[in-house]
Amino acid sequence: MKYLYLVCRILLAVVFIASGADKLFRLFPHPVMVPGDPQTILFTLLFTSGWIKVIGVAELIGGLLVLYSGTVPFALALLAPITVNILAVSYLIAGGGKAAIPGLVVTALELVLFYGYRGSFAGIWTTKATPTV
């Protein structure tokens, strides 16, 4: 199991580092946007507002943190909302099907790591939480 978690960490890191760097520096070719398409409208808003850079920085930092074993739980907590957003965009805006495959792969990798590091999240799943005074 130790090697499974290592492979998942490396794959998840590669995906998020590449994706984050692409959002910041436009490294890869992108498909032509169709005017009026919901996906085009969303990405136009993200690019013109600069929000895509914030997402890129979060993905890059999360991907780098996944590589270092001591920060994997923090990285998973940082990347979880991004992963949910990837799935939501894949299904609700891109139409699902083949567009959902990358989101499903990222989700699977993240769920395997959540399971592997479940002990680190034990404090979150308590019903007896109290504030520190």
N, C-alpha and C. Protein backbone atom coordinates (compact mmCIF):
# COMPACT_ATOMS: atom_id res chain seq x y z
N MET A 1 0.82 -1.19 0.00
CA MET A 1 0.00 0.00 0.00
C MET A 1 0.86 1.26 0.00
N LYS A 2 2.04 1.15 0.61
CA LYS A 2 2.93 2.31 0.67
C LYS A 2 3.27 2.80 -0.73
N TYR A 3 3.49 1.88 -1.65
CA TYR A 3 3.85 2.26 -3.01
C TYR A 3 2.64 2.80 -3.78
N LEU A 4 1.46 2.30 -3.48
CA LEU A 4 0.25 2.82 -4.11
C LEU A 4 0.08 4.30 -3.75
N TYR A 5 0.26 4.63 -2.47
CA TYR A 5 0.12 6.02 -2.03
C TYR A 5 1.21 6.90 -2.65
N LEU A 6 2.40 6.37 -2.78
CA LEU A 6 3.48 7.13 -3.41
C LEU A 6 3.17 7.41 -4.87
N VAL A 7 2.71 6.41 -5.59
CA VAL A 7 2.37 6.59 -7.01
C VAL A 7 1.22 7.59 -7.15
N CYS A 8 0.22 7.48 -6.30
CA CYS A 8 -0.91 8.43 -6.34
C CYS A 8 -0.45 9.84 -6.04
N ARG A 9 0.45 9.99 -5.08
CA ARG A 9 0.99 11.32 -4.76
C ARG A 9 1.73 11.91 -5.95
N ILE A 10 2.55 11.10 -6.60
CA ILE A 10 3.32 11.60 -7.74
C ILE A 10 2.40 11.97 -8.90
N LEU A 11 1.43 11.10 -9.20
CA LEU A 11 0.51 11.39 -10.30
C LEU A 11 -0.32 12.64 -10.01
N LEU A 12 -0.83 12.76 -8.79
CA LEU A 12 -1.62 13.93 -8.44
C LEU A 12 -0.77 15.19 -8.49
N ALA A 13 0.46 15.09 -8.04
CA ALA A 13 1.37 16.25 -8.09
C ALA A 13 1.64 16.66 -9.53
N VAL A 14 1.91 15.70 -10.39
CA VAL A 14 2.18 16.02 -11.80
C VAL A 14 0.98 16.72 -12.43
N VAL A 15 -0.21 16.21 -12.17
CA VAL A 15 -1.42 16.80 -12.75
C VAL A 15 -1.58 18.24 -12.28
N PHE A 16 -1.48 18.47 -10.98
CA PHE A 16 -1.74 19.82 -10.46
C PHE A 16 -0.59 20.78 -10.72
N ILE A 17 0.65 20.31 -10.72
CA ILE A 17 1.77 21.20 -11.04
C ILE A 17 1.68 21.61 -12.51
N ALA A 18 1.41 20.66 -13.40
CA ALA A 18 1.30 20.99 -14.83
C ALA A 18 0.11 21.91 -15.09
N SER A 19 -1.02 21.61 -14.46
CA SER A 19 -2.22 22.42 -14.66
C SER A 19 -2.03 23.83 -14.09
N GLY A 20 -1.46 23.92 -12.90
CA GLY A 20 -1.23 25.23 -12.29
C GLY A 20 -0.24 26.06 -13.08
N ALA A 21 0.85 25.43 -13.52
CA ALA A 21 1.84 26.15 -14.33
C ALA A 21 1.24 26.60 -15.66
N ASP A 22 0.38 25.77 -16.25
CA ASP A 22 -0.26 26.15 -17.50
C ASP A 22 -1.19 27.35 -17.32
N LYS A 23 -1.89 27.39 -16.20
CA LYS A 23 -2.77 28.54 -15.95
C LYS A 23 -1.97 29.83 -15.75
N LEU A 24 -0.77 29.70 -15.21
CA LEU A 24 0.06 30.87 -14.97
C LEU A 24 0.87 31.29 -16.19
N PHE A 25 1.35 30.32 -16.96
CA PHE A 25 2.29 30.63 -18.04
C PHE A 25 1.86 30.19 -19.43
N ARG A 26 0.67 29.60 -19.57
CA ARG A 26 0.14 29.14 -20.88
C ARG A 26 1.16 28.27 -21.62
N LEU A 27 1.44 27.11 -21.06
CA LEU A 27 2.45 26.21 -21.60
C LEU A 27 1.93 25.28 -22.69
N PHE A 28 0.66 24.93 -22.64
CA PHE A 28 0.09 23.94 -23.55
C PHE A 28 -0.91 24.59 -24.50
N PRO A 29 -1.10 24.00 -25.68
CA PRO A 29 -2.13 24.55 -26.58
C PRO A 29 -3.53 24.31 -26.01
N HIS A 30 -4.42 25.24 -26.29
CA HIS A 30 -5.78 25.15 -25.79
C HIS A 30 -6.75 25.09 -26.96
N PRO A 31 -7.89 24.40 -26.79
CA PRO A 31 -8.86 24.31 -27.89
C PRO A 31 -9.46 25.67 -28.20
N VAL A 32 -9.93 25.82 -29.42
CA VAL A 32 -10.59 27.05 -29.83
C VAL A 32 -11.93 27.14 -29.12
N MET A 33 -12.21 28.29 -28.57
CA MET A 33 -13.46 28.50 -27.86
C MET A 33 -14.57 28.88 -28.84
N VAL A 34 -15.73 28.27 -28.66
CA VAL A 34 -16.90 28.54 -29.49
C VAL A 34 -17.70 29.68 -28.87
N PRO A 35 -17.93 30.78 -29.59
CA PRO A 35 -18.68 31.89 -29.01
C PRO A 35 -20.08 31.46 -28.54
N GLY A 36 -20.47 31.93 -27.36
CA GLY A 36 -21.78 31.61 -26.82
C GLY A 36 -21.85 30.30 -26.05
N ASP A 37 -20.83 29.49 -26.15
CA ASP A 37 -20.78 28.21 -25.44
C ASP A 37 -20.59 28.49 -23.94
N PRO A 38 -21.29 27.76 -23.05
CA PRO A 38 -21.13 28.01 -21.60
C PRO A 38 -19.68 27.90 -21.13
N GLN A 39 -18.94 26.97 -21.70
CA GLN A 39 -17.53 26.81 -21.32
C GLN A 39 -16.74 28.05 -21.72
N THR A 40 -17.01 28.61 -22.87
CA THR A 40 -16.33 29.83 -23.33
C THR A 40 -16.66 31.00 -22.41
N ILE A 41 -17.91 31.12 -22.02
CA ILE A 41 -18.32 32.21 -21.13
C ILE A 41 -17.61 32.09 -19.79
N LEU A 42 -17.57 30.87 -19.23
CA LEU A 42 -16.91 30.66 -17.94
C LEU A 42 -15.44 31.03 -18.02
N PHE A 43 -14.73 30.50 -19.01
CA PHE A 43 -13.30 30.75 -19.09
C PHE A 43 -12.99 32.19 -19.45
N THR A 44 -13.86 32.85 -20.19
CA THR A 44 -13.68 34.28 -20.46
C THR A 44 -13.74 35.06 -19.16
N LEU A 45 -14.71 34.74 -18.32
CA LEU A 45 -14.81 35.40 -17.01
C LEU A 45 -13.58 35.13 -16.15
N LEU A 46 -13.13 33.88 -16.13
CA LEU A 46 -11.97 33.52 -15.31
C LEU A 46 -10.71 34.24 -15.78
N PHE A 47 -10.51 34.33 -17.09
CA PHE A 47 -9.30 34.96 -17.60
C PHE A 47 -9.34 36.47 -17.47
N THR A 48 -10.46 37.09 -17.79
CA THR A 48 -10.52 38.55 -17.74
C THR A 48 -10.49 39.09 -16.32
N SER A 49 -11.01 38.34 -15.37
CA SER A 49 -11.00 38.79 -13.98
C SER A 49 -9.67 38.50 -13.29
N GLY A 50 -8.85 37.63 -13.86
CA GLY A 50 -7.59 37.24 -13.23
C GLY A 50 -7.75 36.10 -12.24
N TRP A 51 -8.97 35.60 -12.07
CA TRP A 51 -9.23 34.52 -11.12
C TRP A 51 -8.50 33.25 -11.51
N ILE A 52 -8.25 33.06 -12.79
CA ILE A 52 -7.55 31.85 -13.26
C ILE A 52 -6.14 31.79 -12.69
N LYS A 53 -5.52 32.95 -12.45
CA LYS A 53 -4.18 32.99 -11.85
C LYS A 53 -4.23 32.52 -10.40
N VAL A 54 -5.28 32.90 -9.68
CA VAL A 54 -5.43 32.46 -8.28
C VAL A 54 -5.59 30.94 -8.24
N ILE A 55 -6.41 30.41 -9.13
CA ILE A 55 -6.60 28.96 -9.21
C ILE A 55 -5.28 28.28 -9.57
N GLY A 56 -4.54 28.86 -10.50
CA GLY A 56 -3.25 28.30 -10.91
C GLY A 56 -2.25 28.26 -9.77
N VAL A 57 -2.20 29.32 -8.99
CA VAL A 57 -1.28 29.36 -7.84
C VAL A 57 -1.68 28.30 -6.82
N ALA A 58 -2.98 28.17 -6.54
CA ALA A 58 -3.45 27.16 -5.58
C ALA A 58 -3.12 25.75 -6.07
N GLU A 59 -3.32 25.50 -7.37
CA GLU A 59 -2.99 24.18 -7.92
C GLU A 59 -1.49 23.91 -7.86
N LEU A 60 -0.69 24.90 -8.18
CA LEU A 60 0.76 24.72 -8.16
C LEU A 60 1.26 24.46 -6.74
N ILE A 61 0.79 25.24 -5.78
CA ILE A 61 1.19 25.04 -4.39
C ILE A 61 0.70 23.68 -3.89
N GLY A 62 -0.55 23.34 -4.18
CA GLY A 62 -1.08 22.03 -3.75
C GLY A 62 -0.31 20.88 -4.36
N GLY A 63 0.03 20.99 -5.63
CA GLY A 63 0.81 19.94 -6.29
C GLY A 63 2.18 19.77 -5.68
N LEU A 64 2.83 20.88 -5.34
CA LEU A 64 4.15 20.80 -4.71
C LEU A 64 4.05 20.23 -3.30
N LEU A 65 3.00 20.60 -2.57
CA LEU A 65 2.84 20.09 -1.20
C LEU A 65 2.53 18.59 -1.18
N VAL A 66 1.86 18.08 -2.21
CA VAL A 66 1.57 16.65 -2.27
C VAL A 66 2.86 15.83 -2.39
N LEU A 67 3.87 16.41 -3.00
CA LEU A 67 5.13 15.68 -3.17
C LEU A 67 5.85 15.42 -1.84
N TYR A 68 5.73 16.36 -0.92
CA TYR A 68 6.40 16.21 0.37
C TYR A 68 5.46 15.49 1.33
N SER A 69 5.88 14.34 1.83
CA SER A 69 4.96 13.48 2.59
C SER A 69 4.43 14.12 3.87
N GLY A 70 5.15 15.04 4.46
CA GLY A 70 4.69 15.67 5.70
C GLY A 70 3.54 16.64 5.50
N THR A 71 3.33 17.10 4.27
CA THR A 71 2.28 18.10 4.02
C THR A 71 1.14 17.56 3.17
N VAL A 72 1.07 16.25 3.00
CA VAL A 72 0.02 15.66 2.16
C VAL A 72 -1.39 15.98 2.70
N PRO A 73 -1.66 15.85 3.99
CA PRO A 73 -3.02 16.18 4.45
C PRO A 73 -3.41 17.63 4.17
N PHE A 74 -2.48 18.56 4.39
CA PHE A 74 -2.77 19.97 4.09
C PHE A 74 -3.00 20.15 2.60
N ALA A 75 -2.18 19.50 1.77
CA ALA A 75 -2.34 19.60 0.32
C ALA A 75 -3.69 19.05 -0.12
N LEU A 76 -4.10 17.93 0.47
CA LEU A 76 -5.41 17.36 0.11
C LEU A 76 -6.55 18.29 0.50
N ALA A 77 -6.42 18.93 1.66
CA ALA A 77 -7.44 19.89 2.08
C ALA A 77 -7.48 21.09 1.14
N LEU A 78 -6.33 21.50 0.64
CA LEU A 78 -6.26 22.61 -0.31
C LEU A 78 -6.82 22.22 -1.67
N LEU A 79 -6.53 21.00 -2.11
CA LEU A 79 -6.92 20.57 -3.46
C LEU A 79 -8.35 20.02 -3.53
N ALA A 80 -8.95 19.65 -2.41
CA ALA A 80 -10.30 19.07 -2.44
C ALA A 80 -11.33 19.99 -3.09
N PRO A 81 -11.41 21.28 -2.73
CA PRO A 81 -12.40 22.13 -3.40
C PRO A 81 -12.11 22.32 -4.88
N ILE A 82 -10.84 22.32 -5.24
CA ILE A 82 -10.48 22.44 -6.65
C ILE A 82 -10.94 21.20 -7.41
N THR A 83 -10.78 20.04 -6.78
CA THR A 83 -11.22 18.79 -7.41
C THR A 83 -12.74 18.76 -7.58
N VAL A 84 -13.46 19.22 -6.57
CA VAL A 84 -14.92 19.29 -6.68
C VAL A 84 -15.31 20.22 -7.82
N ASN A 85 -14.61 21.34 -7.95
CA ASN A 85 -14.88 22.28 -9.03
C ASN A 85 -14.57 21.65 -10.40
N ILE A 86 -13.51 20.89 -10.50
CA ILE A 86 -13.18 20.21 -11.75
C ILE A 86 -14.31 19.27 -12.15
N LEU A 87 -14.82 18.50 -11.19
CA LEU A 87 -15.93 17.60 -11.48
C LEU A 87 -17.19 18.36 -11.86
N ALA A 88 -17.47 19.44 -11.15
CA ALA A 88 -18.68 20.22 -11.45
C ALA A 88 -18.61 20.82 -12.85
N VAL A 89 -17.49 21.39 -13.21
CA VAL A 89 -17.34 21.96 -14.56
C VAL A 89 -17.41 20.86 -15.61
N SER A 90 -16.80 19.71 -15.32
CA SER A 90 -16.81 18.60 -16.28
C SER A 90 -18.22 18.14 -16.59
N TYR A 91 -19.05 18.04 -15.57
CA TYR A 91 -20.41 17.52 -15.77
C TYR A 91 -21.42 18.61 -16.13
N LEU A 92 -21.36 19.74 -15.46
CA LEU A 92 -22.41 20.74 -15.64
C LEU A 92 -22.17 21.66 -16.83
N ILE A 93 -20.92 21.96 -17.13
CA ILE A 93 -20.65 22.91 -18.21
C ILE A 93 -20.10 22.22 -19.45
N ALA A 94 -19.18 21.27 -19.27
CA ALA A 94 -18.59 20.60 -20.43
C ALA A 94 -19.45 19.44 -20.94
N GLY A 95 -20.49 19.06 -20.21
CA GLY A 95 -21.41 18.04 -20.69
C GLY A 95 -21.11 16.61 -20.31
N GLY A 96 -20.14 16.38 -19.45
CA GLY A 96 -19.84 15.01 -19.01
C GLY A 96 -19.16 14.20 -20.11
N GLY A 97 -19.41 12.90 -20.12
CA GLY A 97 -18.80 12.03 -21.12
C GLY A 97 -17.30 12.01 -21.01
N LYS A 98 -16.61 12.15 -22.16
CA LYS A 98 -15.15 12.12 -22.17
C LYS A 98 -14.55 13.31 -21.42
N ALA A 99 -15.27 14.41 -21.34
CA ALA A 99 -14.76 15.60 -20.64
C ALA A 99 -14.62 15.35 -19.14
N ALA A 100 -15.34 14.36 -18.62
CA ALA A 100 -15.31 14.09 -17.19
C ALA A 100 -14.18 13.16 -16.77
N ILE A 101 -13.53 12.51 -17.72
CA ILE A 101 -12.51 11.51 -17.38
C ILE A 101 -11.36 12.11 -16.56
N PRO A 102 -10.76 13.24 -16.95
CA PRO A 102 -9.68 13.79 -16.10
C PRO A 102 -10.15 14.10 -14.68
N GLY A 103 -11.34 14.64 -14.54
CA GLY A 103 -11.86 14.94 -13.21
C GLY A 103 -12.07 13.69 -12.38
N LEU A 104 -12.54 12.63 -13.02
CA LEU A 104 -12.75 11.37 -12.30
C LEU A 104 -11.42 10.75 -11.88
N VAL A 105 -10.40 10.85 -12.73
CA VAL A 105 -9.07 10.31 -12.39
C VAL A 105 -8.49 11.08 -11.21
N VAL A 106 -8.56 12.42 -11.26
CA VAL A 106 -8.05 13.23 -10.15
C VAL A 106 -8.80 12.92 -8.86
N THR A 107 -10.12 12.76 -8.96
CA THR A 107 -10.92 12.43 -7.78
C THR A 107 -10.52 11.08 -7.21
N ALA A 108 -10.32 10.09 -8.07
CA ALA A 108 -9.91 8.77 -7.60
C ALA A 108 -8.55 8.83 -6.90
N LEU A 109 -7.60 9.55 -7.48
CA LEU A 109 -6.28 9.68 -6.85
C LEU A 109 -6.40 10.34 -5.48
N GLU A 110 -7.21 11.39 -5.43
CA GLU A 110 -7.36 12.11 -4.17
C GLU A 110 -8.07 11.26 -3.12
N LEU A 111 -9.08 10.49 -3.51
CA LEU A 111 -9.78 9.63 -2.56
C LEU A 111 -8.86 8.54 -2.00
N VAL A 112 -8.00 7.98 -2.85
CA VAL A 112 -7.04 6.98 -2.38
C VAL A 112 -6.12 7.60 -1.33
N LEU A 113 -5.67 8.82 -1.60
CA LEU A 113 -4.78 9.49 -0.65
C LEU A 113 -5.52 9.88 0.63
N PHE A 114 -6.78 10.31 0.51
CA PHE A 114 -7.57 10.60 1.71
C PHE A 114 -7.68 9.35 2.57
N TYR A 115 -7.92 8.21 1.94
CA TYR A 115 -8.01 6.97 2.69
C TYR A 115 -6.66 6.64 3.35
N GLY A 116 -5.59 6.80 2.62
CA GLY A 116 -4.26 6.49 3.15
C GLY A 116 -3.86 7.39 4.31
N TYR A 117 -4.30 8.63 4.28
CA TYR A 117 -3.95 9.59 5.32
C TYR A 117 -5.13 9.90 6.24
N ARG A 118 -6.07 8.96 6.34
CA ARG A 118 -7.30 9.20 7.09
C ARG A 118 -7.04 9.50 8.56
N GLY A 119 -5.98 8.99 9.11
CA GLY A 119 -5.65 9.27 10.51
C GLY A 119 -5.35 10.75 10.74
N SER A 120 -4.83 11.42 9.73
CA SER A 120 -4.52 12.85 9.85
C SER A 120 -5.77 13.72 9.86
N PHE A 121 -6.88 13.16 9.40
CA PHE A 121 -8.13 13.91 9.35
C PHE A 121 -9.08 13.56 10.49
N ALA A 122 -8.61 12.77 11.45
CA ALA A 122 -9.47 12.30 12.53
C ALA A 122 -10.04 13.45 13.35
N GLY A 123 -9.28 14.51 13.54
CA GLY A 123 -9.76 15.63 14.33
C GLY A 123 -10.89 16.40 13.69
N ILE A 124 -11.00 16.31 12.38
CA ILE A 124 -12.07 17.01 11.67
C ILE A 124 -13.40 16.30 11.86
N TRP A 125 -13.37 14.98 11.99
CA TRP A 125 -14.60 14.19 12.04
C TRP A 125 -15.09 13.94 13.46
N THR A 126 -14.89 14.88 14.36
CA THR A 126 -15.31 14.72 15.74
C THR A 126 -16.63 15.48 15.99
N THR A 127 -17.39 15.00 16.95
CA THR A 127 -18.62 15.71 17.34
C THR A 127 -18.43 16.41 18.68
N LYS A 128 -17.23 16.33 19.22
CA LYS A 128 -16.96 16.93 20.52
C LYS A 128 -15.93 18.05 20.42
N ALA A 129 -15.93 18.78 19.32
CA ALA A 129 -14.97 19.87 19.14
C ALA A 129 -15.30 21.04 20.04
N THR A 130 -14.26 21.59 20.64
CA THR A 130 -14.41 22.77 21.49
C THR A 130 -13.36 23.80 21.10
N PRO A 131 -13.67 25.09 21.26
CA PRO A 131 -12.68 26.10 20.92
C PRO A 131 -11.56 26.13 21.95
N THR A 132 -10.37 26.48 21.51
CA THR A 132 -9.24 26.63 22.42
C THR A 132 -9.31 28.02 23.01
N VAL A 133 -9.25 28.08 24.34
CA VAL A 133 -9.40 29.38 25.01
C VAL A 133 -8.08 29.85 25.53
